[in-house]
């Protein structure tokens, strides 16, 4: 899973029939401190996320197929969760 920030949504007047019922969102990977890194990419939204949300993205076609129940969606990234809170536990010596 990749921690990402939703940076926008894709609006289209026509889209492949297999995308019907799903939003397509632009997401950018983030570090746990919230800073951006890497390039933005598109992901199918299975969570009703919105711009500015921190989300968990899975970049694997098999997971997308399991979550959507379809083998016909031509995409490999899916937003699988919206992050409400993120805590980083630091372990180590005293």
N, C-alpha and C. Protein backbone atom coordinates (compact mmCIF):
# COMPACT_ATOMS: atom_id res chain seq x y z
N UNK A 1 0.84 -1.18 0.00
CA UNK A 1 0.00 0.00 0.00
C UNK A 1 0.88 1.24 0.00
N UNK A 2 0.36 2.27 -0.60
CA UNK A 2 1.07 3.53 -0.70
C UNK A 2 0.22 4.61 -0.04
N UNK A 3 0.84 5.38 0.84
CA UNK A 3 0.16 6.51 1.47
C UNK A 3 0.17 7.66 0.47
N UNK A 4 -1.01 8.20 0.17
CA UNK A 4 -1.14 9.26 -0.85
C UNK A 4 -2.08 10.35 -0.38
N UNK A 5 -2.00 11.47 -1.07
CA UNK A 5 -2.93 12.58 -0.89
C UNK A 5 -3.72 12.71 -2.19
N UNK A 6 -5.05 12.83 -2.07
CA UNK A 6 -5.89 13.05 -3.25
C UNK A 6 -5.70 14.49 -3.68
N UNK A 7 -5.24 14.68 -4.93
CA UNK A 7 -4.94 16.02 -5.41
C UNK A 7 -5.96 16.53 -6.42
N UNK A 8 -6.90 15.68 -6.81
CA UNK A 8 -7.92 16.11 -7.75
C UNK A 8 -8.73 14.95 -8.27
N UNK A 9 -9.71 15.27 -9.09
CA UNK A 9 -10.54 14.22 -9.68
C UNK A 9 -10.53 14.39 -11.20
N UNK A 10 -10.81 13.30 -11.88
CA UNK A 10 -10.85 13.31 -13.34
C UNK A 10 -12.31 13.38 -13.76
N UNK A 11 -12.63 14.35 -14.60
CA UNK A 11 -13.99 14.50 -15.10
C UNK A 11 -13.95 14.23 -16.60
N UNK A 12 -14.86 13.37 -17.06
CA UNK A 12 -14.91 13.07 -18.49
C UNK A 12 -16.36 12.95 -18.95
N UNK A 13 -16.60 13.36 -20.18
CA UNK A 13 -17.95 13.26 -20.71
C UNK A 13 -18.23 11.85 -21.21
N UNK A 14 -17.18 11.14 -21.59
CA UNK A 14 -17.32 9.75 -22.01
C UNK A 14 -16.22 8.95 -21.35
N UNK A 15 -16.55 7.74 -20.91
CA UNK A 15 -15.52 6.87 -20.37
C UNK A 15 -15.89 5.42 -20.64
N UNK A 16 -14.90 4.57 -20.57
CA UNK A 16 -15.10 3.15 -20.79
C UNK A 16 -16.21 2.63 -19.89
N UNK A 17 -17.05 1.77 -20.41
CA UNK A 17 -18.20 1.25 -19.65
C UNK A 17 -17.78 0.57 -18.35
N UNK A 18 -16.58 0.04 -18.28
CA UNK A 18 -16.14 -0.65 -17.07
C UNK A 18 -15.80 0.31 -15.94
N UNK A 19 -15.65 1.60 -16.26
CA UNK A 19 -15.40 2.62 -15.24
C UNK A 19 -16.70 3.20 -14.67
N UNK A 20 -17.84 2.84 -15.26
CA UNK A 20 -19.12 3.37 -14.78
C UNK A 20 -19.30 3.05 -13.30
N UNK A 21 -19.71 4.04 -12.54
CA UNK A 21 -19.94 3.85 -11.11
C UNK A 21 -18.72 4.12 -10.24
N UNK A 22 -17.59 4.42 -10.86
CA UNK A 22 -16.37 4.69 -10.11
C UNK A 22 -15.84 6.08 -10.44
N UNK A 23 -15.34 6.77 -9.41
CA UNK A 23 -14.63 8.03 -9.63
C UNK A 23 -13.18 7.70 -9.92
N UNK A 24 -12.55 8.52 -10.73
CA UNK A 24 -11.12 8.40 -10.99
C UNK A 24 -10.46 9.61 -10.36
N UNK A 25 -9.52 9.37 -9.47
CA UNK A 25 -8.90 10.44 -8.72
C UNK A 25 -7.41 10.54 -9.06
N UNK A 26 -6.89 11.75 -8.97
CA UNK A 26 -5.45 11.98 -9.09
C UNK A 26 -4.88 11.94 -7.68
N UNK A 27 -3.87 11.11 -7.47
CA UNK A 27 -3.25 10.98 -6.15
C UNK A 27 -1.74 11.16 -6.28
N UNK A 28 -1.13 11.66 -5.21
CA UNK A 28 0.32 11.84 -5.16
C UNK A 28 0.85 11.17 -3.90
N UNK A 29 1.89 10.34 -4.03
CA UNK A 29 2.47 9.71 -2.84
C UNK A 29 2.97 10.75 -1.83
N UNK A 30 2.79 10.43 -0.55
CA UNK A 30 3.29 11.29 0.53
C UNK A 30 4.07 10.47 1.54
N UNK A 31 4.95 11.15 2.25
CA UNK A 31 5.67 10.53 3.37
C UNK A 31 4.78 10.63 4.61
N UNK A 32 5.10 9.88 5.67
CA UNK A 32 4.29 9.97 6.89
C UNK A 32 4.17 11.38 7.46
N UNK A 33 5.15 12.26 7.17
CA UNK A 33 5.07 13.64 7.67
C UNK A 33 4.18 14.52 6.78
N UNK A 34 3.65 13.95 5.69
CA UNK A 34 2.76 14.68 4.80
C UNK A 34 3.41 15.32 3.60
N UNK A 35 4.74 15.25 3.52
CA UNK A 35 5.43 15.85 2.37
C UNK A 35 5.29 14.96 1.14
N UNK A 36 5.15 15.60 -0.01
CA UNK A 36 4.97 14.89 -1.27
C UNK A 36 6.30 14.33 -1.77
N UNK A 37 6.22 13.19 -2.46
CA UNK A 37 7.38 12.67 -3.19
C UNK A 37 6.83 11.84 -4.35
N UNK A 38 7.62 11.67 -5.37
CA UNK A 38 7.16 10.88 -6.51
C UNK A 38 6.20 11.66 -7.39
N UNK A 39 5.71 10.97 -8.40
CA UNK A 39 4.84 11.58 -9.40
C UNK A 39 3.38 11.24 -9.12
N UNK A 40 2.47 12.17 -9.45
CA UNK A 40 1.04 11.88 -9.32
C UNK A 40 0.65 10.76 -10.29
N UNK A 41 -0.40 10.02 -9.93
CA UNK A 41 -0.94 9.00 -10.81
C UNK A 41 -2.44 8.90 -10.58
N UNK A 42 -3.12 8.17 -11.43
CA UNK A 42 -4.57 8.02 -11.33
C UNK A 42 -4.93 6.73 -10.61
N UNK A 43 -6.02 6.78 -9.85
CA UNK A 43 -6.50 5.60 -9.13
C UNK A 43 -8.02 5.59 -9.12
N UNK A 44 -8.60 4.40 -9.21
CA UNK A 44 -10.04 4.21 -9.06
C UNK A 44 -10.37 4.42 -7.58
N UNK A 45 -11.46 5.09 -7.29
CA UNK A 45 -11.85 5.35 -5.90
C UNK A 45 -12.93 4.38 -5.45
N UNK A 46 -12.61 3.57 -4.44
CA UNK A 46 -13.59 2.64 -3.88
C UNK A 46 -14.07 3.10 -2.52
N UNK A 47 -13.76 4.36 -2.14
CA UNK A 47 -14.04 4.81 -0.77
C UNK A 47 -14.80 6.12 -0.65
N UNK A 48 -15.15 6.75 -1.74
CA UNK A 48 -15.78 8.08 -1.72
C UNK A 48 -14.86 9.12 -1.12
N UNK A 49 -13.59 9.06 -1.46
CA UNK A 49 -12.63 10.06 -0.98
C UNK A 49 -12.80 11.35 -1.75
N UNK A 50 -12.18 12.40 -1.25
CA UNK A 50 -12.27 13.70 -1.90
C UNK A 50 -10.93 14.40 -1.90
N UNK A 51 -10.85 15.49 -2.63
CA UNK A 51 -9.61 16.25 -2.72
C UNK A 51 -9.13 16.64 -1.34
N UNK A 52 -7.84 16.41 -1.08
CA UNK A 52 -7.25 16.74 0.21
C UNK A 52 -7.21 15.59 1.19
N UNK A 53 -7.95 14.50 0.91
CA UNK A 53 -7.94 13.34 1.80
C UNK A 53 -6.62 12.60 1.71
N UNK A 54 -6.18 12.05 2.83
CA UNK A 54 -5.05 11.13 2.87
C UNK A 54 -5.63 9.74 2.70
N UNK A 55 -5.08 8.97 1.76
CA UNK A 55 -5.67 7.68 1.41
C UNK A 55 -4.60 6.60 1.32
N UNK A 56 -5.07 5.35 1.37
CA UNK A 56 -4.21 4.19 1.13
C UNK A 56 -4.52 3.68 -0.26
N UNK A 57 -3.49 3.59 -1.10
CA UNK A 57 -3.65 3.15 -2.48
C UNK A 57 -2.93 1.83 -2.68
N UNK A 58 -3.59 0.91 -3.35
CA UNK A 58 -2.96 -0.36 -3.72
C UNK A 58 -2.71 -0.31 -5.22
N UNK A 59 -1.46 -0.51 -5.61
CA UNK A 59 -1.11 -0.54 -7.04
C UNK A 59 -0.87 -1.99 -7.45
N UNK A 60 -1.96 -2.69 -7.64
CA UNK A 60 -1.89 -4.10 -8.02
C UNK A 60 -3.21 -4.46 -8.68
N UNK A 61 -3.16 -4.92 -9.91
CA UNK A 61 -4.38 -5.25 -10.64
C UNK A 61 -5.20 -6.33 -9.98
N UNK A 62 -4.54 -7.31 -9.35
CA UNK A 62 -5.27 -8.38 -8.68
C UNK A 62 -6.10 -7.87 -7.50
N UNK A 63 -5.54 -6.94 -6.74
CA UNK A 63 -6.29 -6.35 -5.62
C UNK A 63 -7.46 -5.54 -6.13
N UNK A 64 -7.25 -4.79 -7.21
CA UNK A 64 -8.33 -4.01 -7.80
C UNK A 64 -9.46 -4.93 -8.22
N UNK A 65 -9.13 -6.06 -8.84
CA UNK A 65 -10.15 -7.02 -9.27
C UNK A 65 -10.91 -7.58 -8.07
N UNK A 66 -10.20 -7.88 -6.98
CA UNK A 66 -10.87 -8.43 -5.79
C UNK A 66 -11.81 -7.39 -5.17
N UNK A 67 -11.38 -6.14 -5.08
CA UNK A 67 -12.18 -5.10 -4.44
C UNK A 67 -13.40 -4.75 -5.28
N UNK A 68 -13.22 -4.63 -6.60
CA UNK A 68 -14.33 -4.22 -7.46
C UNK A 68 -15.18 -5.40 -7.93
N UNK A 69 -14.61 -6.60 -7.88
CA UNK A 69 -15.34 -7.77 -8.38
C UNK A 69 -15.35 -7.86 -9.90
N UNK A 70 -14.49 -7.10 -10.56
CA UNK A 70 -14.45 -7.08 -12.02
C UNK A 70 -13.04 -7.30 -12.53
N UNK A 71 -12.92 -8.13 -13.54
CA UNK A 71 -11.62 -8.34 -14.19
C UNK A 71 -11.48 -7.48 -15.43
N UNK A 72 -12.47 -6.62 -15.68
CA UNK A 72 -12.49 -5.86 -16.93
C UNK A 72 -12.11 -4.40 -16.78
N UNK A 73 -11.84 -3.94 -15.56
CA UNK A 73 -11.47 -2.53 -15.38
C UNK A 73 -10.00 -2.36 -15.78
N UNK A 74 -9.72 -1.54 -16.80
CA UNK A 74 -8.36 -1.39 -17.30
C UNK A 74 -7.53 -0.41 -16.46
N UNK A 75 -7.26 -0.77 -15.24
CA UNK A 75 -6.51 0.08 -14.31
C UNK A 75 -5.81 -0.83 -13.31
N UNK A 76 -4.78 -0.33 -12.64
CA UNK A 76 -4.10 -1.17 -11.66
C UNK A 76 -3.94 -0.50 -10.29
N UNK A 77 -4.51 0.69 -10.10
CA UNK A 77 -4.41 1.37 -8.81
C UNK A 77 -5.81 1.66 -8.28
N UNK A 78 -6.00 1.39 -6.98
CA UNK A 78 -7.31 1.61 -6.37
C UNK A 78 -7.12 2.22 -4.98
N UNK A 79 -7.95 3.20 -4.68
CA UNK A 79 -7.98 3.79 -3.34
C UNK A 79 -8.80 2.84 -2.47
N UNK A 80 -8.13 2.21 -1.50
CA UNK A 80 -8.76 1.18 -0.69
C UNK A 80 -9.15 1.67 0.71
N UNK A 81 -8.68 2.83 1.11
CA UNK A 81 -9.02 3.33 2.44
C UNK A 81 -8.70 4.81 2.60
N UNK A 82 -9.48 5.47 3.45
CA UNK A 82 -9.23 6.87 3.80
C UNK A 82 -8.62 6.88 5.20
N UNK A 83 -7.51 7.57 5.36
CA UNK A 83 -6.80 7.62 6.63
C UNK A 83 -7.40 8.71 7.50
N UNK A 84 -7.89 8.32 8.68
CA UNK A 84 -8.43 9.29 9.64
C UNK A 84 -7.34 9.85 10.54
N UNK A 85 -6.39 8.99 10.90
CA UNK A 85 -5.35 9.37 11.84
C UNK A 85 -4.11 8.53 11.53
N UNK A 86 -2.95 9.14 11.65
CA UNK A 86 -1.70 8.43 11.41
C UNK A 86 -0.76 8.67 12.57
N UNK A 87 -0.35 7.60 13.24
CA UNK A 87 0.59 7.68 14.35
C UNK A 87 1.84 6.93 13.98
N UNK A 88 2.97 7.53 14.19
CA UNK A 88 4.25 6.88 13.92
C UNK A 88 4.87 6.51 15.25
N UNK A 89 5.05 5.22 15.47
CA UNK A 89 5.68 4.73 16.69
C UNK A 89 7.17 4.57 16.43
N UNK A 90 7.96 5.16 17.29
CA UNK A 90 9.41 5.06 17.16
C UNK A 90 9.90 4.12 18.25
N UNK A 91 10.58 3.07 17.83
CA UNK A 91 11.12 2.13 18.82
C UNK A 91 12.62 2.22 18.78
N UNK A 92 13.22 1.82 19.86
CA UNK A 92 14.68 1.86 19.92
C UNK A 92 15.16 1.76 21.35
N UNK A 93 16.42 1.87 21.50
CA UNK A 93 17.03 1.79 22.83
C UNK A 93 16.68 2.99 23.69
N UNK A 94 16.96 2.85 24.98
CA UNK A 94 16.62 3.91 25.92
C UNK A 94 17.71 4.91 26.06
